[in-house]
N, C-alpha and C. Protein backbone atom coordinates (compact mmCIF):
# COMPACT_ATOMS: atom_id res chain seq x y z
N MET A 1 90.90 100.70 79.24
CA MET A 1 90.51 101.75 78.33
C MET A 1 88.99 101.76 78.20
N LEU A 2 88.46 102.92 78.03
CA LEU A 2 87.02 103.11 77.90
C LEU A 2 86.58 102.78 76.48
N THR A 3 85.49 102.07 76.36
CA THR A 3 84.96 101.74 75.04
C THR A 3 83.72 102.57 74.76
N LYS A 4 83.33 102.63 73.49
CA LYS A 4 82.13 103.37 73.12
C LYS A 4 80.90 102.80 73.81
N SER A 5 80.85 101.49 73.93
CA SER A 5 79.68 100.87 74.57
C SER A 5 79.60 101.24 76.05
N LYS A 6 80.74 101.30 76.74
CA LYS A 6 80.74 101.72 78.14
C LYS A 6 80.34 103.19 78.26
N LEU A 7 80.80 104.00 77.31
CA LEU A 7 80.44 105.41 77.31
C LEU A 7 78.93 105.56 77.11
N ARG A 8 78.38 104.86 76.15
CA ARG A 8 76.92 104.91 75.92
C ARG A 8 76.16 104.47 77.16
N GLU A 9 76.62 103.39 77.76
CA GLU A 9 75.97 102.86 78.96
C GLU A 9 75.93 103.91 80.07
N GLN A 10 77.04 104.59 80.27
CA GLN A 10 77.11 105.61 81.32
C GLN A 10 76.22 106.80 80.99
N ILE A 11 76.23 107.23 79.75
CA ILE A 11 75.39 108.37 79.36
C ILE A 11 73.92 108.03 79.53
N GLU A 12 73.54 106.81 79.18
CA GLU A 12 72.14 106.38 79.33
C GLU A 12 71.70 106.36 80.79
N SER A 13 72.64 106.14 81.71
CA SER A 13 72.27 106.05 83.13
C SER A 13 72.12 107.43 83.77
N PHE A 14 72.53 108.48 83.06
CA PHE A 14 72.42 109.83 83.60
C PHE A 14 71.00 110.38 83.42
N PRO A 15 70.64 111.36 84.24
CA PRO A 15 69.35 112.04 84.05
C PRO A 15 69.38 112.84 82.73
N GLU A 16 68.26 113.39 82.35
CA GLU A 16 68.17 114.13 81.09
C GLU A 16 69.14 115.31 81.04
N GLU A 17 69.34 115.97 82.18
CA GLU A 17 70.27 117.09 82.23
C GLU A 17 71.38 116.78 83.24
N PHE A 18 72.62 117.04 82.82
CA PHE A 18 73.76 116.82 83.70
C PHE A 18 74.90 117.70 83.22
N SER A 19 75.86 117.92 84.11
CA SER A 19 77.00 118.75 83.72
C SER A 19 78.09 117.89 83.12
N ILE A 20 78.94 118.51 82.33
CA ILE A 20 80.06 117.80 81.74
C ILE A 20 81.01 117.30 82.84
N ASP A 21 81.10 118.07 83.93
CA ASP A 21 81.95 117.65 85.05
C ASP A 21 81.46 116.35 85.66
N GLU A 22 80.14 116.21 85.80
CA GLU A 22 79.58 114.96 86.35
C GLU A 22 79.91 113.78 85.45
N LEU A 23 79.79 113.99 84.14
CA LEU A 23 80.09 112.92 83.19
C LEU A 23 81.57 112.55 83.24
N VAL A 24 82.43 113.53 83.25
CA VAL A 24 83.88 113.27 83.28
C VAL A 24 84.24 112.52 84.56
N GLU A 25 83.70 112.96 85.70
CA GLU A 25 83.98 112.27 86.97
C GLU A 25 83.54 110.82 86.91
N ARG A 26 82.37 110.56 86.36
CA ARG A 26 81.86 109.19 86.26
C ARG A 26 82.74 108.36 85.35
N LEU A 27 83.16 108.92 84.23
CA LEU A 27 84.00 108.18 83.29
C LEU A 27 85.36 107.86 83.88
N ILE A 28 85.92 108.79 84.63
CA ILE A 28 87.19 108.54 85.31
C ILE A 28 87.03 107.41 86.31
N LEU A 29 85.94 107.44 87.08
CA LEU A 29 85.68 106.38 88.06
C LEU A 29 85.55 105.02 87.37
N VAL A 30 84.77 104.97 86.31
CA VAL A 30 84.57 103.71 85.58
C VAL A 30 85.90 103.17 85.05
N GLU A 31 86.72 104.06 84.50
CA GLU A 31 88.03 103.65 83.97
C GLU A 31 88.93 103.12 85.08
N LYS A 32 88.92 103.79 86.24
CA LYS A 32 89.76 103.34 87.35
C LYS A 32 89.30 101.99 87.89
N ILE A 33 88.00 101.80 87.96
CA ILE A 33 87.47 100.51 88.41
C ILE A 33 87.87 99.41 87.43
N ASP A 34 87.73 99.68 86.14
CA ASP A 34 88.10 98.71 85.11
C ASP A 34 89.59 98.37 85.20
N ARG A 35 90.43 99.39 85.37
CA ARG A 35 91.88 99.17 85.50
C ARG A 35 92.19 98.33 86.74
N GLY A 36 91.53 98.63 87.85
CA GLY A 36 91.74 97.88 89.09
C GLY A 36 91.33 96.43 88.94
N ASN A 37 90.21 96.19 88.26
CA ASN A 37 89.77 94.82 88.03
C ASN A 37 90.77 94.04 87.19
N LYS A 38 91.32 94.70 86.16
CA LYS A 38 92.31 94.03 85.32
C LYS A 38 93.58 93.73 86.10
N GLN A 39 94.02 94.67 86.96
CA GLN A 39 95.20 94.44 87.79
C GLN A 39 94.96 93.26 88.74
N SER A 40 93.77 93.19 89.29
CA SER A 40 93.44 92.10 90.21
C SER A 40 93.48 90.76 89.48
N GLU A 41 92.92 90.72 88.27
CA GLU A 41 92.92 89.49 87.48
C GLU A 41 94.34 89.02 87.16
N LYS A 42 95.26 89.98 86.98
CA LYS A 42 96.65 89.65 86.67
C LYS A 42 97.47 89.36 87.92
N GLY A 43 96.85 89.49 89.08
CA GLY A 43 97.57 89.24 90.33
C GLY A 43 98.45 90.41 90.75
N GLU A 44 98.21 91.57 90.17
CA GLU A 44 99.00 92.76 90.50
C GLU A 44 98.40 93.46 91.72
N VAL A 45 98.45 92.76 92.85
CA VAL A 45 97.87 93.29 94.08
C VAL A 45 98.92 93.19 95.20
N ILE A 46 98.66 93.92 96.28
CA ILE A 46 99.54 93.81 97.45
C ILE A 46 98.71 93.31 98.62
N SER A 47 99.39 92.72 99.58
CA SER A 47 98.70 92.18 100.75
C SER A 47 98.27 93.33 101.66
N GLU A 48 97.40 93.00 102.59
CA GLU A 48 96.92 94.01 103.54
C GLU A 48 98.07 94.54 104.40
N SER A 49 98.98 93.66 104.79
CA SER A 49 100.11 94.12 105.60
C SER A 49 101.03 95.04 104.80
N GLU A 50 101.23 94.75 103.50
CA GLU A 50 102.02 95.64 102.65
C GLU A 50 101.34 96.99 102.51
N LEU A 51 100.02 96.98 102.41
CA LEU A 51 99.26 98.22 102.33
C LEU A 51 99.42 99.03 103.62
N ASP A 52 99.32 98.35 104.75
CA ASP A 52 99.51 99.03 106.04
C ASP A 52 100.88 99.69 106.11
N ASN A 53 101.91 98.99 105.64
CA ASN A 53 103.26 99.55 105.63
C ASN A 53 103.36 100.78 104.73
N GLU A 54 102.72 100.72 103.57
CA GLU A 54 102.74 101.86 102.66
C GLU A 54 102.03 103.07 103.27
N ILE A 55 100.89 102.84 103.88
CA ILE A 55 100.13 103.92 104.50
C ILE A 55 100.92 104.53 105.65
N GLU A 56 101.59 103.69 106.41
CA GLU A 56 102.41 104.17 107.53
C GLU A 56 103.48 105.12 107.02
N LYS A 57 104.06 104.83 105.86
CA LYS A 57 105.10 105.69 105.30
C LYS A 57 104.56 107.08 104.96
N TRP A 58 103.28 107.15 104.58
CA TRP A 58 102.68 108.43 104.21
C TRP A 58 102.67 109.42 105.36
N PHE A 59 102.57 108.91 106.57
CA PHE A 59 102.41 109.76 107.74
C PHE A 59 103.72 110.02 108.49
N LYS A 60 104.84 109.65 107.90
CA LYS A 60 106.14 109.87 108.52
C LYS A 60 106.72 111.18 108.04
């Protein structure tokens, strides 16, 4: 979940003028990275071979 401090940090890193779309895209990316890091810490990952199998299914 996004916190106020992370939101402030992201807004501070933007130029003086930016679109709301740019901000929303950045916040979504930050949230996804944070979620992925938490999943990794919990061991909720798949092996490279499992990933290859999943990708192979996409193209069938």
